Amino acid sequence: MEVHAPDRTASLHMRLLDELDPMKRAAVHLELATMLMASGQFEQAGRHFREALHLDGSLLVARQRLGELGAPSAPRRGIRAWLGRRRA
């Protein structure tokens, strides 16, 4: 039985509500992001790729996809704050 994309997306969102294991949550975010990217929902995809990386920094595919989207894989404000402290 094939699950249609909207049904699969809803199912994945429900899994995020129930899942406590960070690695499993990262995998769900990665799958959601991949589906959203394929359907042209790039902003939402980027959010899920970043959350996947936050939970599991070893997910190179999430980092690569963020690069394809032109999105940074880490918040830039952290770098700016660090530079600001160095100048002070």
N, C-alpha and C. Protein backbone atom coordinates (compact mmCIF):
# COMPACT_ATOMS: atom_id res chain seq x y z
N MET A 1 0.83 -1.18 0.00
CA MET A 1 0.00 0.00 0.00
C MET A 1 0.88 1.25 0.00
N GLU A 2 0.71 2.10 -0.98
CA GLU A 2 1.51 3.31 -1.11
C GLU A 2 0.90 4.44 -0.29
N VAL A 3 1.74 5.12 0.47
CA VAL A 3 1.27 6.26 1.27
C VAL A 3 1.50 7.52 0.47
N HIS A 4 0.46 8.32 0.28
CA HIS A 4 0.58 9.55 -0.48
C HIS A 4 1.34 10.58 0.33
N ALA A 5 2.01 11.52 -0.36
CA ALA A 5 2.88 12.50 0.30
C ALA A 5 2.20 13.26 1.44
N PRO A 6 0.98 13.81 1.26
CA PRO A 6 0.37 14.51 2.40
C PRO A 6 0.13 13.60 3.61
N ASP A 7 -0.26 12.36 3.35
CA ASP A 7 -0.45 11.41 4.44
C ASP A 7 0.88 11.08 5.11
N ARG A 8 1.91 10.91 4.32
CA ARG A 8 3.23 10.59 4.86
C ARG A 8 3.77 11.77 5.67
N THR A 9 3.57 12.99 5.18
CA THR A 9 4.02 14.18 5.90
C THR A 9 3.32 14.27 7.25
N ALA A 10 2.02 14.06 7.26
CA ALA A 10 1.26 14.10 8.52
C ALA A 10 1.75 13.01 9.47
N SER A 11 2.02 11.84 8.93
CA SER A 11 2.51 10.74 9.75
C SER A 11 3.87 11.08 10.38
N LEU A 12 4.74 11.70 9.60
CA LEU A 12 6.06 12.07 10.12
C LEU A 12 5.95 13.15 11.20
N HIS A 13 5.05 14.11 11.00
CA HIS A 13 4.85 15.13 12.02
C HIS A 13 4.34 14.50 13.32
N MET A 14 3.48 13.53 13.21
CA MET A 14 2.99 12.83 14.40
C MET A 14 4.13 12.08 15.10
N ARG A 15 5.02 11.49 14.32
CA ARG A 15 6.17 10.80 14.91
C ARG A 15 7.05 11.76 15.69
N LEU A 16 7.19 13.00 15.18
CA LEU A 16 8.00 13.98 15.89
C LEU A 16 7.40 14.31 17.25
N LEU A 17 6.08 14.30 17.34
CA LEU A 17 5.43 14.58 18.61
C LEU A 17 5.68 13.48 19.64
N ASP A 18 5.81 12.24 19.16
CA ASP A 18 5.93 11.10 20.06
C ASP A 18 7.37 10.64 20.32
N GLU A 19 8.27 10.93 19.40
CA GLU A 19 9.63 10.39 19.47
C GLU A 19 10.50 11.19 20.44
N LEU A 20 11.18 10.52 21.35
CA LEU A 20 12.06 11.16 22.30
C LEU A 20 13.54 11.00 21.96
N ASP A 21 13.88 9.94 21.23
CA ASP A 21 15.28 9.66 20.89
C ASP A 21 15.78 10.70 19.87
N PRO A 22 16.83 11.45 20.21
CA PRO A 22 17.32 12.49 19.31
C PRO A 22 17.75 11.99 17.93
N MET A 23 18.35 10.81 17.88
CA MET A 23 18.80 10.29 16.59
C MET A 23 17.61 9.92 15.69
N LYS A 24 16.59 9.36 16.29
CA LYS A 24 15.39 9.02 15.52
C LYS A 24 14.66 10.28 15.09
N ARG A 25 14.63 11.29 15.97
CA ARG A 25 14.01 12.57 15.60
C ARG A 25 14.77 13.21 14.43
N ALA A 26 16.09 13.12 14.46
CA ALA A 26 16.90 13.67 13.38
C ALA A 26 16.56 12.98 12.06
N ALA A 27 16.40 11.67 12.10
CA ALA A 27 16.05 10.92 10.88
C ALA A 27 14.68 11.34 10.34
N VAL A 28 13.74 11.59 11.25
CA VAL A 28 12.41 12.02 10.82
C VAL A 28 12.49 13.42 10.21
N HIS A 29 13.24 14.32 10.83
CA HIS A 29 13.41 15.66 10.27
C HIS A 29 14.07 15.59 8.89
N LEU A 30 15.04 14.70 8.75
CA LEU A 30 15.71 14.55 7.46
C LEU A 30 14.74 14.06 6.39
N GLU A 31 13.91 13.09 6.72
CA GLU A 31 12.94 12.58 5.76
C GLU A 31 11.91 13.66 5.39
N LEU A 32 11.44 14.39 6.40
CA LEU A 32 10.49 15.48 6.12
C LEU A 32 11.13 16.53 5.21
N ALA A 33 12.35 16.91 5.53
CA ALA A 33 13.04 17.92 4.74
C ALA A 33 13.21 17.48 3.30
N THR A 34 13.55 16.23 3.10
CA THR A 34 13.74 15.70 1.75
C THR A 34 12.43 15.75 0.96
N MET A 35 11.33 15.37 1.62
CA MET A 35 10.02 15.43 0.96
C MET A 35 9.63 16.87 0.63
N LEU A 36 9.86 17.77 1.57
CA LEU A 36 9.50 19.17 1.36
C LEU A 36 10.34 19.79 0.25
N MET A 37 11.62 19.45 0.20
CA MET A 37 12.50 19.97 -0.84
C MET A 37 12.03 19.48 -2.22
N ALA A 38 11.66 18.21 -2.29
CA ALA A 38 11.21 17.64 -3.56
C ALA A 38 9.92 18.29 -4.05
N SER A 39 9.10 18.78 -3.11
CA SER A 39 7.84 19.40 -3.49
C SER A 39 7.97 20.92 -3.63
N GLY A 40 9.20 21.44 -3.54
CA GLY A 40 9.42 22.87 -3.76
C GLY A 40 9.19 23.74 -2.54
N GLN A 41 9.03 23.16 -1.38
CA GLN A 41 8.81 23.92 -0.15
C GLN A 41 10.17 24.13 0.54
N PHE A 42 10.97 24.99 -0.07
CA PHE A 42 12.38 25.10 0.30
C PHE A 42 12.60 25.70 1.69
N GLU A 43 11.81 26.68 2.08
CA GLU A 43 12.01 27.29 3.40
C GLU A 43 11.74 26.27 4.52
N GLN A 44 10.63 25.55 4.40
CA GLN A 44 10.32 24.53 5.41
C GLN A 44 11.35 23.41 5.38
N ALA A 45 11.80 23.04 4.19
CA ALA A 45 12.82 22.00 4.08
C ALA A 45 14.09 22.43 4.82
N GLY A 46 14.49 23.67 4.62
CA GLY A 46 15.68 24.18 5.29
C GLY A 46 15.56 24.11 6.80
N ARG A 47 14.39 24.43 7.31
CA ARG A 47 14.18 24.36 8.77
C ARG A 47 14.36 22.93 9.28
N HIS A 48 13.81 21.97 8.55
CA HIS A 48 13.93 20.57 8.99
C HIS A 48 15.35 20.05 8.81
N PHE A 49 16.06 20.45 7.74
CA PHE A 49 17.46 20.05 7.59
C PHE A 49 18.29 20.60 8.75
N ARG A 50 18.06 21.88 9.12
CA ARG A 50 18.82 22.47 10.24
C ARG A 50 18.51 21.76 11.55
N GLU A 51 17.25 21.42 11.78
CA GLU A 51 16.89 20.72 13.02
C GLU A 51 17.53 19.32 13.04
N ALA A 52 17.56 18.65 11.89
CA ALA A 52 18.21 17.34 11.82
C ALA A 52 19.69 17.47 12.19
N LEU A 53 20.34 18.50 11.67
CA LEU A 53 21.76 18.72 11.99
C LEU A 53 21.97 19.08 13.45
N HIS A 54 21.05 19.84 13.99
CA HIS A 54 21.13 20.21 15.41
C HIS A 54 21.10 18.95 16.29
N LEU A 55 20.26 18.01 15.91
CA LEU A 55 20.11 16.78 16.68
C LEU A 55 21.22 15.77 16.40
N ASP A 56 21.72 15.76 15.17
CA ASP A 56 22.77 14.81 14.78
C ASP A 56 23.70 15.50 13.79
N GLY A 57 24.76 16.06 14.31
CA GLY A 57 25.71 16.81 13.50
C GLY A 57 26.45 15.99 12.46
N SER A 58 26.32 14.67 12.50
CA SER A 58 27.03 13.82 11.55
C SER A 58 26.23 13.60 10.26
N LEU A 59 25.05 14.19 10.15
CA LEU A 59 24.21 13.99 8.96
C LEU A 59 24.72 14.86 7.80
N LEU A 60 25.70 14.35 7.09
CA LEU A 60 26.31 15.12 6.00
C LEU A 60 25.31 15.45 4.90
N VAL A 61 24.36 14.56 4.65
CA VAL A 61 23.38 14.82 3.60
C VAL A 61 22.56 16.06 3.94
N ALA A 62 22.23 16.26 5.21
CA ALA A 62 21.49 17.46 5.62
C ALA A 62 22.33 18.71 5.36
N ARG A 63 23.61 18.64 5.68
CA ARG A 63 24.51 19.77 5.44
C ARG A 63 24.62 20.06 3.94
N GLN A 64 24.73 19.01 3.13
CA GLN A 64 24.84 19.18 1.68
C GLN A 64 23.56 19.78 1.10
N ARG A 65 22.41 19.31 1.56
CA ARG A 65 21.13 19.83 1.05
C ARG A 65 20.95 21.29 1.43
N LEU A 66 21.37 21.67 2.63
CA LEU A 66 21.31 23.08 3.01
C LEU A 66 22.17 23.92 2.08
N GLY A 67 23.32 23.38 1.71
CA GLY A 67 24.17 24.08 0.75
C GLY A 67 23.49 24.24 -0.59
N GLU A 68 22.80 23.21 -1.03
CA GLU A 68 22.06 23.28 -2.29
C GLU A 68 20.96 24.34 -2.22
N LEU A 69 20.37 24.50 -1.04
CA LEU A 69 19.32 25.50 -0.86
C LEU A 69 19.91 26.90 -0.67
N GLY A 70 21.22 26.97 -0.52
CA GLY A 70 21.86 28.26 -0.29
C GLY A 70 21.68 28.75 1.14
N ALA A 71 21.38 27.83 2.04
CA ALA A 71 21.15 28.18 3.45
C ALA A 71 22.36 27.78 4.28
N PRO A 72 22.70 28.59 5.25
CA PRO A 72 23.81 28.21 6.14
C PRO A 72 23.41 27.02 7.00
N SER A 73 24.38 26.19 7.32
CA SER A 73 24.09 25.02 8.15
C SER A 73 24.16 25.33 9.63
N ALA A 74 24.70 26.49 9.97
CA ALA A 74 24.77 26.92 11.37
C ALA A 74 24.37 28.38 11.43
N PRO A 75 23.78 28.79 12.53
CA PRO A 75 23.37 30.19 12.64
C PRO A 75 24.57 31.12 12.56
N ARG A 76 24.49 32.13 11.76
CA ARG A 76 25.60 33.07 11.61
C ARG A 76 25.74 33.98 12.82
N ARG A 77 24.66 34.16 13.58
CA ARG A 77 24.75 35.06 14.72
C ARG A 77 25.80 34.58 15.71
N GLY A 78 26.06 33.28 15.77
CA GLY A 78 27.09 32.77 16.66
C GLY A 78 28.46 33.24 16.25
N ILE A 79 28.73 33.26 14.97
CA ILE A 79 30.02 33.74 14.47
C ILE A 79 30.14 35.24 14.71
N ARG A 80 29.06 35.98 14.45
CA ARG A 80 29.09 37.43 14.67
C ARG A 80 29.33 37.74 16.14
N ALA A 81 28.68 36.99 17.03
CA ALA A 81 28.88 37.22 18.46
C ALA A 81 30.32 36.93 18.85
N TRP A 82 30.90 35.87 18.31
CA TRP A 82 32.28 35.51 18.60
C TRP A 82 33.23 36.60 18.11
N LEU A 83 33.00 37.09 16.89
CA LEU A 83 33.84 38.16 16.35
C LEU A 83 33.72 39.42 17.18
N GLY A 84 32.50 39.71 17.63
CA GLY A 84 32.29 40.89 18.47
C GLY A 84 33.05 40.81 19.76
N ARG A 85 33.10 39.63 20.36
CA ARG A 85 33.86 39.45 21.61
C ARG A 85 35.34 39.60 21.36
N ARG A 86 35.81 39.13 20.22
CA ARG A 86 37.25 39.22 19.92
C ARG A 86 37.69 40.66 19.71
N ARG A 87 36.79 41.48 19.18
CA ARG A 87 37.14 42.89 18.92
C ARG A 87 37.12 43.72 20.19
N ALA A 88 36.39 43.26 21.18
CA ALA A 88 36.24 44.05 22.43
C ALA A 88 37.49 44.01 23.27
